[in-house]
């Protein structure tokens, strides 16, 4: 039963991370195209999408929390039964954990991308220095 829960939470976390990746694909590509040259913006976008999957699945599938279904827990020294209510709770925690983790990755990315865009705009707005003839 615990293996089924593990597989189910993994699939749910993967689906949620995929949805987040699809929703934010255009903004990620747009920000990277604006800040970095074209030849490296695509690899960076792929890496960021990979990071969304890794962090999302890692945050959604909390393997250490499944220990309560395998070993006796304090204070009663009993194994927690895996009921349908527990399944619903685990699915909910998986979705929320995945969204929190992906939001953290995206927040860090967009903060640094915003700083980079401001720097790029500042450099573009400066008047070009022309050399005067001597």
N, C-alpha and C. Protein backbone atom coordinates (compact mmCIF):
# COMPACT_ATOMS: atom_id res chain seq x y z
N UNK A 1 0.82 -1.19 0.00
CA UNK A 1 0.00 0.00 0.00
C UNK A 1 0.87 1.27 0.00
N UNK A 2 1.96 1.24 0.74
CA UNK A 2 2.84 2.40 0.80
C UNK A 2 3.51 2.63 -0.55
N UNK A 3 3.84 1.55 -1.24
CA UNK A 3 4.45 1.68 -2.57
C UNK A 3 3.46 2.34 -3.53
N UNK A 4 2.20 1.96 -3.43
CA UNK A 4 1.17 2.60 -4.26
C UNK A 4 1.08 4.09 -3.96
N UNK A 5 1.15 4.44 -2.69
CA UNK A 5 1.12 5.85 -2.30
C UNK A 5 2.33 6.59 -2.84
N UNK A 6 3.49 5.98 -2.75
CA UNK A 6 4.71 6.60 -3.27
C UNK A 6 4.62 6.84 -4.77
N UNK A 7 4.18 5.85 -5.51
CA UNK A 7 4.04 5.98 -6.97
C UNK A 7 2.99 7.03 -7.31
N UNK A 8 1.88 7.02 -6.59
CA UNK A 8 0.81 7.99 -6.85
C UNK A 8 1.28 9.42 -6.58
N UNK A 9 1.95 9.63 -5.46
CA UNK A 9 2.42 10.99 -5.15
C UNK A 9 3.48 11.43 -6.15
N UNK A 10 4.32 10.51 -6.62
CA UNK A 10 5.31 10.87 -7.64
C UNK A 10 4.62 11.31 -8.92
N UNK A 11 3.63 10.57 -9.35
CA UNK A 11 2.91 10.91 -10.58
C UNK A 11 2.21 12.26 -10.42
N UNK A 12 1.57 12.46 -9.29
CA UNK A 12 0.87 13.74 -9.05
C UNK A 12 1.87 14.89 -9.05
N UNK A 13 2.99 14.73 -8.37
CA UNK A 13 4.01 15.79 -8.34
C UNK A 13 4.56 16.05 -9.74
N UNK A 14 4.75 15.01 -10.52
CA UNK A 14 5.24 15.18 -11.90
C UNK A 14 4.23 15.94 -12.74
N UNK A 15 2.96 15.61 -12.61
CA UNK A 15 1.90 16.29 -13.38
C UNK A 15 1.81 17.77 -12.98
N UNK A 16 1.85 18.04 -11.68
CA UNK A 16 1.78 19.43 -11.21
C UNK A 16 2.99 20.21 -11.69
N UNK A 17 4.19 19.63 -11.61
CA UNK A 17 5.40 20.30 -12.09
C UNK A 17 5.32 20.53 -13.61
N UNK A 18 4.73 19.58 -14.32
CA UNK A 18 4.56 19.75 -15.78
C UNK A 18 3.63 20.91 -16.09
N UNK A 19 2.55 21.02 -15.35
CA UNK A 19 1.61 22.12 -15.56
C UNK A 19 2.29 23.46 -15.27
N UNK A 20 3.04 23.53 -14.18
CA UNK A 20 3.75 24.76 -13.84
C UNK A 20 4.76 25.10 -14.95
N UNK A 21 5.47 24.11 -15.44
CA UNK A 21 6.44 24.34 -16.51
C UNK A 21 5.76 24.84 -17.77
N UNK A 22 4.62 24.27 -18.12
CA UNK A 22 3.89 24.73 -19.30
C UNK A 22 3.37 26.15 -19.13
N UNK A 23 2.86 26.46 -17.96
CA UNK A 23 2.31 27.79 -17.71
C UNK A 23 3.40 28.86 -17.78
N UNK A 24 4.58 28.55 -17.25
CA UNK A 24 5.64 29.55 -17.18
C UNK A 24 6.68 29.43 -18.30
N UNK A 25 6.44 28.60 -19.30
CA UNK A 25 7.43 28.43 -20.38
C UNK A 25 7.67 29.73 -21.15
N UNK A 26 6.62 30.42 -21.55
CA UNK A 26 6.78 31.67 -22.30
C UNK A 26 7.46 32.76 -21.49
N UNK A 27 7.03 33.01 -20.23
CA UNK A 27 7.74 34.04 -19.45
C UNK A 27 9.22 33.71 -19.22
N UNK A 28 9.53 32.44 -19.00
CA UNK A 28 10.93 32.04 -18.81
C UNK A 28 11.72 32.31 -20.07
N UNK A 29 11.20 31.86 -21.20
CA UNK A 29 11.90 32.07 -22.47
C UNK A 29 12.04 33.56 -22.78
N UNK A 30 10.99 34.33 -22.53
CA UNK A 30 11.05 35.76 -22.80
C UNK A 30 12.08 36.48 -21.96
N UNK A 31 12.13 36.15 -20.67
CA UNK A 31 13.11 36.80 -19.79
C UNK A 31 14.54 36.41 -20.19
N UNK A 32 14.74 35.14 -20.47
CA UNK A 32 16.09 34.71 -20.84
C UNK A 32 16.52 35.28 -22.18
N UNK A 33 15.61 35.36 -23.14
CA UNK A 33 15.95 35.95 -24.43
C UNK A 33 16.31 37.42 -24.30
N UNK A 34 15.71 38.09 -23.34
CA UNK A 34 15.98 39.51 -23.12
C UNK A 34 17.33 39.75 -22.46
N UNK A 35 17.73 38.83 -21.59
CA UNK A 35 18.90 39.06 -20.75
C UNK A 35 20.18 38.43 -21.31
N UNK A 36 20.08 37.23 -21.82
CA UNK A 36 21.28 36.51 -22.28
C UNK A 36 21.22 36.30 -23.79
N UNK A 37 22.38 36.10 -24.40
CA UNK A 37 22.40 35.86 -25.85
C UNK A 37 21.60 34.62 -26.24
N UNK A 38 21.14 34.61 -27.49
CA UNK A 38 20.28 33.53 -27.97
C UNK A 38 20.92 32.16 -27.88
N UNK A 39 22.23 32.08 -28.11
CA UNK A 39 22.87 30.77 -28.13
C UNK A 39 22.91 30.09 -26.75
N UNK A 40 22.80 30.86 -25.67
CA UNK A 40 22.78 30.22 -24.36
C UNK A 40 21.43 30.36 -23.64
N UNK A 41 20.50 31.10 -24.21
CA UNK A 41 19.20 31.24 -23.54
C UNK A 41 18.41 29.94 -23.57
N UNK A 42 18.49 29.18 -24.64
CA UNK A 42 17.75 27.91 -24.72
C UNK A 42 18.27 26.88 -23.73
N UNK A 43 19.60 26.70 -23.61
CA UNK A 43 20.07 25.77 -22.58
C UNK A 43 19.70 26.21 -21.16
N UNK A 44 19.74 27.49 -20.89
CA UNK A 44 19.36 27.98 -19.56
C UNK A 44 17.88 27.73 -19.31
N UNK A 45 17.05 27.90 -20.33
CA UNK A 45 15.62 27.64 -20.17
C UNK A 45 15.38 26.15 -19.89
N UNK A 46 16.11 25.29 -20.60
CA UNK A 46 15.97 23.85 -20.35
C UNK A 46 16.42 23.51 -18.93
N UNK A 47 17.50 24.11 -18.49
CA UNK A 47 17.99 23.85 -17.14
C UNK A 47 16.97 24.31 -16.10
N UNK A 48 16.40 25.49 -16.30
CA UNK A 48 15.42 26.00 -15.34
C UNK A 48 14.18 25.09 -15.30
N UNK A 49 13.75 24.61 -16.44
CA UNK A 49 12.60 23.70 -16.46
C UNK A 49 12.95 22.38 -15.77
N UNK A 50 14.17 21.92 -15.95
CA UNK A 50 14.63 20.72 -15.24
C UNK A 50 14.62 20.98 -13.73
N UNK A 51 15.08 22.15 -13.31
CA UNK A 51 15.10 22.51 -11.89
C UNK A 51 13.68 22.56 -11.33
N UNK A 52 12.73 23.03 -12.13
CA UNK A 52 11.34 23.06 -11.68
C UNK A 52 10.85 21.63 -11.42
N UNK A 53 11.18 20.71 -12.32
CA UNK A 53 10.78 19.32 -12.11
C UNK A 53 11.45 18.73 -10.87
N UNK A 54 12.74 18.91 -10.74
CA UNK A 54 13.47 18.31 -9.62
C UNK A 54 12.99 18.87 -8.28
N UNK A 55 12.91 20.18 -8.19
CA UNK A 55 12.47 20.79 -6.93
C UNK A 55 10.99 20.49 -6.67
N UNK A 56 10.18 20.50 -7.70
CA UNK A 56 8.76 20.23 -7.53
C UNK A 56 8.51 18.81 -7.05
N UNK A 57 9.14 17.85 -7.68
CA UNK A 57 8.95 16.46 -7.27
C UNK A 57 9.58 16.23 -5.89
N UNK A 58 10.73 16.82 -5.66
CA UNK A 58 11.36 16.68 -4.34
C UNK A 58 10.54 17.28 -3.22
N UNK A 59 9.88 18.40 -3.50
CA UNK A 59 9.04 19.03 -2.49
C UNK A 59 7.68 18.36 -2.34
N UNK A 60 7.21 17.74 -3.40
CA UNK A 60 5.90 17.12 -3.36
C UNK A 60 5.91 15.71 -2.82
N UNK A 61 6.94 14.95 -3.15
CA UNK A 61 7.04 13.57 -2.68
C UNK A 61 7.96 13.56 -1.46
N UNK A 62 7.38 13.58 -0.31
CA UNK A 62 8.15 13.61 0.93
C UNK A 62 8.31 12.18 1.44
N UNK A 63 9.32 11.51 0.94
CA UNK A 63 9.53 10.10 1.25
C UNK A 63 9.68 9.88 2.75
N UNK A 64 10.36 10.80 3.42
CA UNK A 64 10.58 10.64 4.87
C UNK A 64 9.26 10.66 5.66
N UNK A 65 8.22 11.27 5.11
CA UNK A 65 6.95 11.29 5.84
C UNK A 65 6.19 9.97 5.72
N UNK A 66 6.60 9.11 4.79
CA UNK A 66 5.95 7.80 4.65
C UNK A 66 6.40 6.83 5.72
N UNK A 67 7.40 7.22 6.49
CA UNK A 67 7.90 6.36 7.56
C UNK A 67 6.80 6.04 8.57
N UNK A 68 5.88 6.95 8.76
CA UNK A 68 4.80 6.73 9.74
C UNK A 68 3.89 5.56 9.34
N UNK A 69 3.91 5.20 8.06
CA UNK A 69 3.10 4.07 7.60
C UNK A 69 3.86 2.75 7.67
N UNK A 70 5.14 2.81 8.02
CA UNK A 70 5.98 1.61 8.04
C UNK A 70 6.49 1.22 9.42
N UNK A 71 6.71 2.21 10.29
CA UNK A 71 7.27 1.93 11.61
C UNK A 71 6.34 2.45 12.70
N UNK A 72 6.36 1.83 13.85
CA UNK A 72 5.52 2.31 14.97
C UNK A 72 5.89 3.72 15.37
N UNK A 73 4.88 4.52 15.66
CA UNK A 73 5.07 5.93 16.00
C UNK A 73 4.74 6.18 17.47
N UNK A 74 5.38 7.17 18.01
CA UNK A 74 5.12 7.60 19.39
C UNK A 74 3.77 8.30 19.43
N UNK A 75 3.07 8.37 20.47
CA UNK A 75 3.35 7.80 21.79
C UNK A 75 2.76 6.41 21.96
N UNK A 76 2.02 5.92 20.95
CA UNK A 76 1.30 4.66 21.12
C UNK A 76 2.04 3.45 20.59
N UNK A 77 3.18 3.67 19.96
CA UNK A 77 3.98 2.57 19.39
C UNK A 77 3.15 1.74 18.41
N UNK A 78 2.40 2.46 17.56
CA UNK A 78 1.60 1.80 16.54
C UNK A 78 1.90 2.39 15.17
N UNK A 79 1.70 1.57 14.17
CA UNK A 79 1.85 2.04 12.79
C UNK A 79 0.58 2.80 12.41
N UNK A 80 0.73 3.96 11.80
CA UNK A 80 -0.43 4.75 11.39
C UNK A 80 -1.10 4.03 10.22
N UNK A 81 -2.41 3.78 10.32
CA UNK A 81 -3.09 3.09 9.22
C UNK A 81 -3.25 4.02 8.01
N UNK A 82 -3.11 3.45 6.84
CA UNK A 82 -3.22 4.20 5.59
C UNK A 82 -4.66 4.10 5.09
N UNK A 83 -5.49 4.97 5.59
CA UNK A 83 -6.92 4.98 5.25
C UNK A 83 -7.17 5.89 4.05
N UNK A 84 -8.40 5.91 3.58
CA UNK A 84 -8.75 6.78 2.45
C UNK A 84 -8.60 8.25 2.83
N UNK A 85 -8.89 8.58 4.08
CA UNK A 85 -8.68 9.96 4.53
C UNK A 85 -7.21 10.34 4.48
N UNK A 86 -6.35 9.42 4.87
CA UNK A 86 -4.90 9.67 4.79
C UNK A 86 -4.45 9.84 3.35
N UNK A 87 -5.03 9.06 2.44
CA UNK A 87 -4.70 9.20 1.02
C UNK A 87 -5.03 10.61 0.53
N UNK A 88 -6.21 11.08 0.88
CA UNK A 88 -6.62 12.42 0.46
C UNK A 88 -5.66 13.46 1.03
N UNK A 89 -5.29 13.31 2.28
CA UNK A 89 -4.37 14.24 2.91
C UNK A 89 -3.00 14.19 2.24
N UNK A 90 -2.50 13.01 1.92
CA UNK A 90 -1.20 12.87 1.25
C UNK A 90 -1.22 13.47 -0.16
N UNK A 91 -2.32 13.28 -0.88
CA UNK A 91 -2.44 13.87 -2.21
C UNK A 91 -2.45 15.39 -2.12
N UNK A 92 -3.20 15.91 -1.16
CA UNK A 92 -3.25 17.36 -0.96
C UNK A 92 -1.86 17.89 -0.61
N UNK A 93 -1.17 17.24 0.31
CA UNK A 93 0.17 17.67 0.70
C UNK A 93 1.14 17.58 -0.48
N UNK A 94 0.95 16.60 -1.32
CA UNK A 94 1.81 16.49 -2.51
C UNK A 94 1.60 17.66 -3.45
N UNK A 95 0.37 18.01 -3.70
CA UNK A 95 0.08 19.13 -4.60
C UNK A 95 0.62 20.43 -4.02
N UNK A 96 0.35 20.69 -2.75
CA UNK A 96 0.81 21.92 -2.12
C UNK A 96 2.34 21.95 -2.04
N UNK A 97 2.96 20.85 -1.68
CA UNK A 97 4.43 20.80 -1.60
C UNK A 97 5.08 21.04 -2.95
N UNK A 98 4.49 20.48 -4.00
CA UNK A 98 5.03 20.68 -5.34
C UNK A 98 4.89 22.15 -5.76
N UNK A 99 3.74 22.73 -5.51
CA UNK A 99 3.53 24.14 -5.86
C UNK A 99 4.45 25.06 -5.07
N UNK A 100 4.65 24.78 -3.79
CA UNK A 100 5.55 25.61 -2.98
C UNK A 100 6.98 25.53 -3.50
N UNK A 101 7.43 24.34 -3.82
CA UNK A 101 8.80 24.18 -4.28
C UNK A 101 9.03 24.84 -5.64
N UNK A 102 8.06 24.67 -6.55
CA UNK A 102 8.22 25.30 -7.87
C UNK A 102 8.11 26.81 -7.76
N UNK A 103 7.26 27.29 -6.86
CA UNK A 103 7.16 28.74 -6.66
C UNK A 103 8.47 29.31 -6.13
N UNK A 104 9.16 28.57 -5.29
CA UNK A 104 10.46 29.02 -4.79
C UNK A 104 11.49 29.13 -5.90
N UNK A 105 11.54 28.13 -6.76
CA UNK A 105 12.47 28.16 -7.90
C UNK A 105 12.16 29.34 -8.80
N UNK A 106 10.89 29.51 -9.13
CA UNK A 106 10.50 30.60 -10.02
C UNK A 106 10.73 31.97 -9.39
N UNK A 107 10.51 32.09 -8.10
CA UNK A 107 10.75 33.35 -7.42
C UNK A 107 12.21 33.74 -7.51
N UNK A 108 13.09 32.82 -7.22
CA UNK A 108 14.53 33.11 -7.31
C UNK A 108 14.91 33.48 -8.74
N UNK A 109 14.41 32.72 -9.70
CA UNK A 109 14.73 33.02 -11.10
C UNK A 109 14.24 34.41 -11.50
N UNK A 110 12.98 34.72 -11.19
CA UNK A 110 12.43 35.99 -11.64
C UNK A 110 13.03 37.19 -10.90
N UNK A 111 13.45 37.01 -9.67
CA UNK A 111 14.13 38.12 -8.96
C UNK A 111 15.46 38.43 -9.66
N UNK A 112 16.24 37.39 -9.93
CA UNK A 112 17.52 37.64 -10.61
C UNK A 112 17.32 38.11 -12.04
N UNK A 113 16.30 37.59 -12.72
CA UNK A 113 16.03 38.03 -14.09
C UNK A 113 15.58 39.49 -14.10
N UNK A 114 14.80 39.89 -13.12
CA UNK A 114 14.36 41.29 -13.03
C UNK A 114 15.55 42.21 -12.81
N UNK A 115 16.45 41.82 -11.95
CA UNK A 115 17.66 42.61 -11.73
C UNK A 115 18.47 42.71 -13.02
N UNK A 116 18.59 41.59 -13.73
CA UNK A 116 19.33 41.59 -14.99
C UNK A 116 18.66 42.47 -16.04
N UNK A 117 17.34 42.45 -16.11
CA UNK A 117 16.63 43.29 -17.08
C UNK A 117 16.84 44.77 -16.76
N UNK A 118 16.80 45.13 -15.48
CA UNK A 118 17.04 46.52 -15.10
C UNK A 118 18.44 46.94 -15.50
N UNK A 119 19.42 46.10 -15.28
CA UNK A 119 20.80 46.42 -15.67
C UNK A 119 20.92 46.57 -17.17
N UNK A 120 20.31 45.66 -17.92
CA UNK A 120 20.36 45.74 -19.39
C UNK A 120 19.70 47.02 -19.88
N UNK A 121 18.56 47.37 -19.33
CA UNK A 121 17.87 48.60 -19.75
C UNK A 121 18.69 49.84 -19.40
N UNK A 122 19.32 49.82 -18.24
CA UNK A 122 20.17 50.94 -17.84
C UNK A 122 21.33 51.10 -18.82
N UNK A 123 21.95 50.00 -19.20
CA UNK A 123 23.07 50.06 -20.13
C UNK A 123 22.62 50.49 -21.53
N UNK A 124 21.43 50.07 -21.93
CA UNK A 124 20.92 50.47 -23.24
C UNK A 124 20.52 51.95 -23.26
N UNK A 125 20.07 52.48 -22.14
CA UNK A 125 19.60 53.86 -22.09
C UNK A 125 20.74 54.87 -22.05
N UNK A 126 21.91 54.42 -21.62
CA UNK A 126 23.05 55.35 -21.58
C UNK A 126 23.41 55.77 -23.00
N UNK A 127 23.70 57.04 -23.18
CA UNK A 127 24.10 57.46 -24.52
C UNK A 127 25.45 56.87 -24.88
N UNK A 128 25.53 56.46 -26.10
CA UNK A 128 26.80 55.87 -26.57
C UNK A 128 27.85 56.97 -26.65
N UNK A 129 29.02 56.64 -26.15
CA UNK A 129 30.11 57.61 -26.21
C UNK A 129 30.74 57.55 -27.59
N UNK A 130 30.78 58.70 -28.21
CA UNK A 130 31.42 58.78 -29.52
C UNK A 130 32.74 59.50 -29.36
N UNK A 131 33.68 59.05 -30.11
CA UNK A 131 34.99 59.71 -30.04
C UNK A 131 34.95 60.91 -30.95
N UNK A 132 35.36 62.03 -30.42
CA UNK A 132 35.40 63.26 -31.23
C UNK A 132 36.71 63.26 -32.03
N UNK A 133 36.66 63.76 -33.26
CA UNK A 133 37.87 63.80 -34.08
C UNK A 133 38.86 64.81 -33.48
N UNK A 134 40.13 64.48 -33.56
CA UNK A 134 41.18 65.35 -33.00
C UNK A 134 41.78 66.21 -34.05
